[in-house]
Amino acid sequence: MENRVRVVQYGTGKMSKYTMRYVYEKGAEIVGALDINPNVIGKDIGEIMETENKGVIVSPINEAEELLTKVRPDVVIVTTMSLLSDLEEALLLCAKLGINAITTCEEAFFSYNSNPVLTNKINELAIQNNCTIVGSGYQDIYWGELISAIAASTHNITKIKGSSSYNVEDYGIALAEAHGAGLSLSEFDTKVASLDRMTDEERNEIINKGEYAPSYMWNVNGWLARKLGLTITSQTQKCVPTTYPEDIDSSTLGMTVKSGDATGMSAVVTSTTKEGIIIESECIGKVYGPDEFDKNEWTVYGEPDTTITVNRPATVELTCATIVNRIPDVINGKPGFVASCDLDELKYRVQPLNTYVK
């Protein structure tokens, strides 16, 4: 591809500060930006990036179709919400217009096992209009390819166990609220944990209606199983509130989380497979106390056992770098809603992004 890759940024919150800067630094360009927040609409994206002005003004979401039709980007980066249903309008619009899209939406990482109806709807429209839609981000490497690479060096596997923690303050209010941050324990039990007490039949019914709200690891387990060639026969989820012994101020929530209330949650997803391998993964998202930090640890049990630990990963920057490094794979990808486990292995991009586009 001779010309620079052209990108529209859909959502100009905390993550976009990095995705947009990384786009420019990888030799591509932003040709449009969209947001729902009246405080950023009308601003030059340079102000959001804390750089010089770029001559690109943030437009309101209700002008998305007009903007995308006018500028015809090579790809749209969607950094808004965590559930696929919240991105329905954005992703269906991209699919309708035949424009590639990549999103940090955690459920989109492998939404086939949590919202198959909407996933298939987006997939069919994307195939029809010859574009590729992909969910990616931090989990692509640190909950995905890193573990599959360890598995590839293991003779025999009995269990895969992982745990990852992150500060919800870094990602915005939608993610913090999805983790139950700021709720009392009784509210957490009613609004979050109660979903874990349903039967498999009840859960499948909600999933097929597109009304299930999975923890992030629900989709990660599905991704890992697909990547490793495993067939999941059953899957369960348990969400437990996290607390802190002192009050914690949350700028994202705009409140003080009282001692004993939920600062967030730990969600453990356990999958059994036809091949006998157990996948047990935990994500811990919460408002951090002063002594807490991000950590990512996975163990592949078998012959031999192998553990890998990443302390204090820069989760936001790693998420955004992954998104930008994935852009050539998305543009080169087959049409449809494609899981990143079905794309090429993620690579570091030394040259401008357009040089990797076929």
Protein backbone atom coordinates (compact mmCIF):
# COMPACT_ATOMS: atom_id res chain seq x y z
CA MET A 1 0.00 0.00 0.00
CA GLU A 2 1.65 3.25 -1.17
CA ASN A 3 -0.36 5.85 0.71
CA ARG A 4 -0.49 6.30 4.47
CA VAL A 5 -3.12 4.33 6.37
CA ARG A 6 -6.12 6.57 7.11
CA VAL A 7 -7.80 6.17 10.49
CA VAL A 8 -10.95 7.49 12.15
CA GLN A 9 -10.95 7.51 15.95
CA TYR A 10 -14.39 6.55 17.33
CA GLY A 11 -14.39 7.62 21.00
CA THR A 12 -11.88 10.19 22.23
CA GLY A 13 -11.60 9.26 25.92
CA LYS A 14 -8.59 8.12 27.92
CA MET A 15 -7.46 5.41 25.51
CA SER A 16 -7.54 7.61 22.40
CA LYS A 17 -4.77 9.83 23.71
CA TYR A 18 -2.45 6.89 23.05
CA THR A 19 -4.08 5.24 20.03
CA MET A 20 -4.08 8.50 18.07
CA ARG A 21 -0.49 9.36 18.96
CA TYR A 22 0.65 5.84 18.12
CA VAL A 23 -1.15 6.04 14.76
CA TYR A 24 0.84 9.13 13.81
CA GLU A 25 4.11 7.71 15.13
CA LYS A 26 3.59 4.55 13.04
CA GLY A 27 3.39 6.62 9.87
CA ALA A 28 -0.41 6.68 9.54
CA GLU A 29 -2.84 9.57 9.98
CA ILE A 30 -6.11 10.42 11.72
CA VAL A 31 -8.68 11.75 9.25
CA GLY A 32 -11.65 12.03 11.59
CA ALA A 33 -12.74 11.66 15.21
CA LEU A 34 -16.11 11.05 16.87
CA ASP A 35 -17.45 11.33 20.40
CA ILE A 36 -20.63 11.70 22.40
CA ASN A 37 -19.14 13.99 25.05
CA PRO A 38 -20.09 17.67 24.51
CA ASN A 39 -16.92 18.71 26.36
CA VAL A 40 -14.69 17.34 23.58
CA ILE A 41 -16.88 17.81 20.50
CA GLY A 42 -15.42 20.68 18.47
CA LYS A 43 -11.92 20.28 19.89
CA ASP A 44 -8.89 19.59 17.74
CA ILE A 45 -7.58 16.09 18.45
CA GLY A 46 -4.17 17.59 19.16
CA GLU A 47 -5.61 19.04 22.35
CA ILE A 48 -6.71 15.56 23.43
CA MET A 49 -3.33 14.10 22.50
CA GLU A 50 -1.54 17.01 24.24
CA THR A 51 0.34 17.84 21.04
CA GLU A 52 0.12 20.57 18.42
CA ASN A 53 -3.17 20.88 16.60
CA LYS A 54 -3.69 18.33 13.82
CA GLY A 55 -6.48 20.07 11.93
CA VAL A 56 -8.92 17.30 12.79
CA ILE A 57 -11.96 18.32 14.84
CA VAL A 58 -13.98 15.90 17.00
CA SER A 59 -17.44 15.46 15.51
CA PRO A 60 -20.61 14.29 17.32
CA ILE A 61 -21.58 10.64 17.09
CA ASN A 62 -24.81 11.48 15.30
CA GLU A 63 -22.69 12.63 12.35
CA ALA A 64 -20.75 9.34 12.19
CA GLU A 65 -22.25 8.03 8.95
CA GLU A 66 -21.77 11.37 7.21
CA LEU A 67 -18.14 11.63 8.36
CA LEU A 68 -17.22 8.04 7.49
CA THR A 69 -18.85 8.29 4.08
CA LYS A 70 -16.95 11.50 3.38
CA VAL A 71 -13.44 10.54 4.52
CA ARG A 72 -13.58 6.77 3.74
CA PRO A 73 -10.86 5.66 6.18
CA ASP A 74 -8.97 2.39 5.85
CA VAL A 75 -9.90 1.51 9.42
CA VAL A 76 -11.90 2.82 12.39
CA ILE A 77 -10.54 2.45 15.93
CA VAL A 78 -13.43 2.10 18.39
CA THR A 79 -12.49 2.81 22.02
CA THR A 80 -15.77 3.31 23.86
CA MET A 81 -17.52 0.58 25.85
CA SER A 82 -16.86 -2.97 27.11
CA LEU A 83 -19.98 -4.85 25.94
CA LEU A 84 -20.73 -5.71 22.33
CA SER A 85 -24.31 -4.51 22.64
CA ASP A 86 -23.01 -1.04 23.48
CA LEU A 87 -21.05 -1.03 20.20
CA GLU A 88 -23.87 -2.35 18.03
CA GLU A 89 -24.51 0.98 16.31
CA ALA A 90 -20.82 1.71 15.68
CA LEU A 91 -19.83 -1.72 14.39
CA LEU A 92 -22.95 -2.21 12.27
CA LEU A 93 -22.33 1.19 10.71
CA CYS A 94 -18.77 0.23 9.79
CA ALA A 95 -20.00 -3.09 8.42
CA LYS A 96 -22.77 -1.37 6.44
CA LEU A 97 -20.30 1.08 4.88
CA GLY A 98 -17.70 -1.60 4.19
CA ILE A 99 -15.10 0.02 6.46
CA ASN A 100 -12.68 -2.07 8.55
CA ALA A 101 -12.82 -1.60 12.32
CA ILE A 102 -10.81 -2.65 15.37
CA THR A 103 -12.07 -2.18 18.91
CA THR A 104 -10.84 -2.38 22.48
CA CYS A 105 -14.28 -3.71 23.52
CA GLU A 106 -13.38 -6.64 25.76
CA GLU A 107 -16.39 -8.76 24.81
CA ALA A 108 -15.59 -8.34 21.10
CA PHE A 109 -12.36 -10.29 21.72
CA PHE A 110 -14.43 -13.48 21.38
CA SER A 111 -18.13 -12.57 21.49
CA TYR A 112 -19.23 -15.80 19.80
CA ASN A 113 -19.72 -17.39 23.23
CA SER A 114 -21.53 -14.46 24.89
CA ASN A 115 -23.58 -12.66 22.22
CA PRO A 116 -23.74 -14.91 19.15
CA VAL A 117 -26.81 -13.24 17.64
CA LEU A 118 -25.26 -9.78 17.38
CA THR A 119 -21.86 -11.24 16.48
CA ASN A 120 -23.39 -13.12 13.55
CA LYS A 121 -25.37 -10.05 12.50
CA ILE A 122 -22.20 -7.95 12.33
CA ASN A 123 -20.31 -10.82 10.68
CA GLU A 124 -22.85 -11.29 7.90
CA LEU A 125 -23.02 -7.57 7.11
CA ALA A 126 -19.23 -7.27 7.12
CA ILE A 127 -18.89 -10.23 4.75
CA GLN A 128 -21.56 -8.74 2.48
CA ASN A 129 -19.69 -5.42 2.29
CA ASN A 130 -16.15 -6.86 2.25
CA CYS A 131 -14.69 -5.44 5.46
CA THR A 132 -13.14 -6.87 8.61
CA ILE A 133 -14.18 -6.24 12.24
CA VAL A 134 -11.82 -7.32 15.05
CA GLY A 135 -11.69 -7.09 18.86
CA SER A 136 -8.18 -6.73 20.27
CA GLY A 137 -6.11 -5.00 22.94
CA TYR A 138 -4.13 -6.05 26.00
CA GLN A 139 -5.76 -9.48 26.10
CA ASP A 140 -4.53 -10.28 22.58
CA ILE A 141 -1.02 -10.89 23.95
CA TYR A 142 -1.16 -11.06 27.74
CA TRP A 143 -4.27 -13.25 27.98
CA GLY A 144 -3.91 -14.88 24.58
CA GLU A 145 -0.80 -15.32 22.44
CA LEU A 146 1.55 -15.35 25.44
CA ILE A 147 -0.30 -18.36 26.86
CA SER A 148 -0.63 -20.17 23.53
CA ALA A 149 3.13 -19.72 23.00
CA ILE A 150 3.86 -21.34 26.37
CA ALA A 151 1.44 -24.14 25.51
CA ALA A 152 3.30 -24.70 22.25
CA SER A 153 6.46 -25.53 24.21
CA THR A 154 4.67 -27.95 26.56
CA HIS A 155 4.53 -31.71 25.99
CA ASN A 156 1.32 -32.43 27.86
CA ILE A 157 -1.21 -30.02 29.42
CA THR A 158 -3.71 -30.73 32.19
CA LYS A 159 -4.71 -27.20 33.21
CA ILE A 160 -4.20 -23.57 32.30
CA LYS A 161 -4.65 -21.07 35.13
CA GLY A 162 -4.36 -17.32 34.84
CA SER A 163 -4.94 -14.15 36.80
CA SER A 164 -4.74 -10.52 35.75
CA SER A 165 -5.42 -7.34 37.71
CA TYR A 166 -5.90 -3.79 36.47
CA ASN A 167 -6.93 -0.41 37.85
CA VAL A 168 -10.40 0.57 36.60
CA GLU A 169 -9.40 4.22 37.09
CA ASP A 170 -7.34 3.96 33.89
CA TYR A 171 -10.20 3.02 31.56
CA GLY A 172 -13.19 5.26 32.20
CA ILE A 173 -16.53 5.11 33.96
CA ALA A 174 -18.18 2.45 31.77
CA LEU A 175 -15.57 -0.15 32.70
CA ALA A 176 -15.56 0.85 36.38
CA GLU A 177 -19.32 0.51 36.65
CA ALA A 178 -19.25 -2.83 34.81
CA HIS A 179 -17.00 -4.11 37.62
CA GLY A 180 -19.42 -2.99 40.33
CA ALA A 181 -17.02 -0.36 41.66
CA GLY A 182 -18.72 1.93 44.17
CA LEU A 183 -21.61 -0.43 44.96
CA SER A 184 -22.44 -1.59 48.45
CA LEU A 185 -21.98 -5.32 48.95
CA SER A 186 -25.74 -5.89 48.88
CA GLU A 187 -26.03 -3.90 45.65
CA PHE A 188 -23.13 -5.88 44.17
CA ASP A 189 -24.85 -9.15 45.05
CA THR A 190 -28.08 -8.04 43.39
CA LYS A 191 -26.67 -6.35 40.29
CA VAL A 192 -23.54 -8.42 39.56
CA ALA A 193 -23.15 -11.67 41.50
CA SER A 194 -26.76 -12.79 41.03
CA LEU A 195 -26.01 -13.58 37.37
CA ASP A 196 -23.65 -16.35 38.51
CA ARG A 197 -26.42 -18.23 40.30
CA MET A 198 -28.45 -19.01 37.21
CA THR A 199 -28.57 -22.48 35.68
CA ASP A 200 -26.77 -23.32 32.43
CA GLU A 201 -30.14 -23.36 30.68
CA GLU A 202 -31.03 -19.91 32.00
CA ARG A 203 -27.62 -18.54 31.03
CA ASN A 204 -27.82 -19.98 27.52
CA GLU A 205 -31.25 -18.43 27.09
CA ILE A 206 -29.92 -15.00 28.07
CA ILE A 207 -26.83 -15.46 25.85
CA ASN A 208 -29.00 -16.32 22.86
CA LYS A 209 -31.08 -13.19 23.53
CA GLY A 210 -27.95 -11.06 23.58
CA GLU A 211 -28.59 -9.99 27.17
CA TYR A 212 -25.66 -11.63 28.96
CA ALA A 213 -23.00 -9.43 30.60
CA PRO A 214 -19.88 -11.63 30.72
CA SER A 215 -16.72 -10.93 32.65
CA TYR A 216 -13.74 -10.42 30.39
CA MET A 217 -12.39 -13.91 31.02
CA TRP A 218 -15.57 -15.51 29.69
CA ASN A 219 -14.48 -14.43 26.23
CA VAL A 220 -10.78 -15.06 26.87
CA ASN A 221 -11.45 -18.72 27.67
CA GLY A 222 -13.32 -19.07 24.40
CA TRP A 223 -10.43 -17.42 22.53
CA LEU A 224 -7.84 -19.70 24.16
CA ALA A 225 -9.89 -22.80 23.42
CA ARG A 226 -10.20 -21.80 19.75
CA LYS A 227 -6.49 -20.99 19.52
CA LEU A 228 -5.45 -24.28 21.11
CA GLY A 229 -7.95 -26.43 19.21
CA LEU A 230 -9.97 -27.31 22.33
CA THR A 231 -13.71 -27.88 22.57
CA ILE A 232 -15.40 -26.37 25.64
CA THR A 233 -18.10 -28.62 27.09
CA SER A 234 -19.10 -26.45 30.09
CA GLN A 235 -18.23 -23.02 31.45
CA THR A 236 -19.04 -21.26 34.73
CA GLN A 237 -18.41 -17.79 36.11
CA LYS A 238 -18.16 -16.49 39.68
CA CYS A 239 -17.89 -12.79 40.51
CA VAL A 240 -16.76 -11.70 43.99
CA PRO A 241 -16.51 -8.07 45.16
CA THR A 242 -13.14 -6.65 46.12
CA THR A 243 -12.90 -4.25 49.07
CA TYR A 244 -10.31 -2.02 50.73
CA PRO A 245 -9.87 -1.34 54.46
CA GLU A 246 -9.91 2.45 53.94
CA ASP A 247 -11.97 4.94 51.92
CA ILE A 248 -10.62 5.42 48.37
CA ASP A 249 -11.29 8.43 46.16
CA SER A 250 -12.21 7.58 42.57
CA SER A 251 -11.86 10.36 40.01
CA THR A 252 -13.40 8.11 37.34
CA LEU A 253 -16.54 7.44 39.39
CA GLY A 254 -16.55 10.94 40.86
CA MET A 255 -17.03 9.59 44.36
CA THR A 256 -15.34 8.19 47.43
CA VAL A 257 -15.65 4.41 47.68
CA LYS A 258 -16.28 3.76 51.35
CA SER A 259 -14.34 1.20 53.34
CA GLY A 260 -16.09 -2.17 52.97
CA ASP A 261 -17.93 -1.25 49.76
CA ALA A 262 -16.99 -2.81 46.43
CA THR A 263 -13.89 -1.29 44.85
CA GLY A 264 -14.47 -3.63 41.91
CA MET A 265 -14.53 -7.39 41.47
CA SER A 266 -12.70 -10.61 40.91
CA ALA A 267 -14.30 -12.76 38.21
CA VAL A 268 -13.21 -16.39 37.84
CA VAL A 269 -14.25 -18.31 34.73
CA THR A 270 -13.73 -22.08 34.65
CA SER A 271 -14.00 -24.05 31.42
CA THR A 272 -13.88 -27.81 31.01
CA THR A 273 -12.99 -29.19 27.60
CA LYS A 274 -13.64 -32.37 25.66
CA GLU A 275 -9.88 -32.93 25.58
CA GLY A 276 -9.66 -32.94 29.40
CA ILE A 277 -7.79 -29.64 29.77
CA ILE A 278 -9.21 -27.19 32.33
CA ILE A 279 -8.96 -23.44 31.69
CA GLU A 280 -9.39 -21.31 34.82
CA SER A 281 -8.89 -17.58 34.41
CA GLU A 282 -9.42 -14.66 36.75
CA CYS A 283 -9.61 -10.94 36.07
CA ILE A 284 -9.46 -8.48 38.96
CA GLY A 285 -10.62 -4.99 38.06
CA LYS A 286 -10.89 -2.46 40.86
CA VAL A 287 -10.12 1.03 42.12
CA TYR A 288 -6.60 0.61 43.45
CA GLY A 289 -5.39 1.51 46.89
CA PRO A 290 -1.95 3.18 47.13
CA ASP A 291 -0.20 -0.18 47.62
CA GLU A 292 -1.81 -2.04 44.69
CA PHE A 293 -0.54 -2.48 41.12
CA ASP A 294 -1.25 -4.32 37.87
CA LYS A 295 -0.12 -7.93 37.65
CA ASN A 296 -0.50 -10.67 35.06
CA GLU A 297 0.33 -14.29 35.92
CA TRP A 298 -0.37 -17.52 34.03
CA THR A 299 0.61 -21.12 34.70
CA VAL A 300 0.42 -23.98 32.23
CA TYR A 301 0.29 -27.22 34.23
CA GLY A 302 1.50 -30.47 32.71
CA GLU A 303 4.85 -31.71 31.52
CA PRO A 304 6.47 -29.43 32.45
CA ASP A 305 4.72 -26.81 34.61
CA THR A 306 5.51 -23.27 33.46
CA THR A 307 4.62 -19.95 35.11
CA ILE A 308 5.07 -16.52 33.64
CA THR A 309 4.52 -13.33 35.68
CA VAL A 310 4.40 -9.76 34.44
CA ASN A 311 4.42 -7.21 37.26
CA ARG A 312 3.32 -3.62 36.74
CA PRO A 313 2.53 -3.87 33.01
CA ALA A 314 1.57 -0.53 31.46
CA THR A 315 -1.83 -1.96 30.61
CA VAL A 316 -3.28 1.11 28.89
CA GLU A 317 -0.24 1.72 26.67
CA LEU A 318 0.08 -2.00 25.87
CA THR A 319 -3.60 -2.12 24.91
CA CYS A 320 -3.26 0.85 22.58
CA ALA A 321 0.01 -0.32 21.02
CA THR A 322 -1.57 -3.70 20.33
CA ILE A 323 -4.52 -2.03 18.61
CA VAL A 324 -2.28 0.04 16.34
CA ASN A 325 0.11 -2.84 15.56
CA ARG A 326 -2.95 -4.95 14.62
CA ILE A 327 -4.19 -2.47 12.01
CA PRO A 328 -2.41 -4.09 9.01
CA ASP A 329 -3.80 -7.50 10.04
CA VAL A 330 -7.32 -6.06 10.10
CA ILE A 331 -6.97 -4.43 6.69
CA ASN A 332 -5.46 -7.65 5.28
CA GLY A 333 -7.97 -9.91 7.05
CA LYS A 334 -10.77 -11.92 5.52
CA PRO A 335 -14.18 -10.21 5.52
CA GLY A 336 -16.40 -10.68 8.58
CA PHE A 337 -16.29 -10.38 12.35
CA VAL A 338 -12.96 -12.12 12.90
CA ALA A 339 -11.43 -13.22 16.22
CA SER A 340 -7.77 -12.21 16.49
CA CYS A 341 -6.86 -15.86 17.16
CA ASP A 342 -7.77 -16.42 13.49
CA LEU A 343 -5.42 -13.66 12.29
CA ASP A 344 -1.65 -13.80 11.86
CA GLU A 345 0.45 -13.64 15.01
CA LEU A 346 0.77 -10.07 16.23
CA LYS A 347 4.02 -8.39 15.18
CA TYR A 348 5.96 -5.28 16.12
CA ARG A 349 5.78 -2.73 13.31
CA VAL A 350 9.17 -1.22 12.54
CA GLN A 351 8.10 0.45 9.29
CA PRO A 352 5.06 2.67 8.62
CA LEU A 353 1.81 0.71 8.81
CA ASN A 354 1.02 1.02 5.11
CA THR A 355 4.13 -1.03 4.20
CA TYR A 356 2.51 -4.08 5.84
CA VAL A 357 -0.75 -3.78 3.92
CA LYS A 358 -1.04 -6.15 0.99
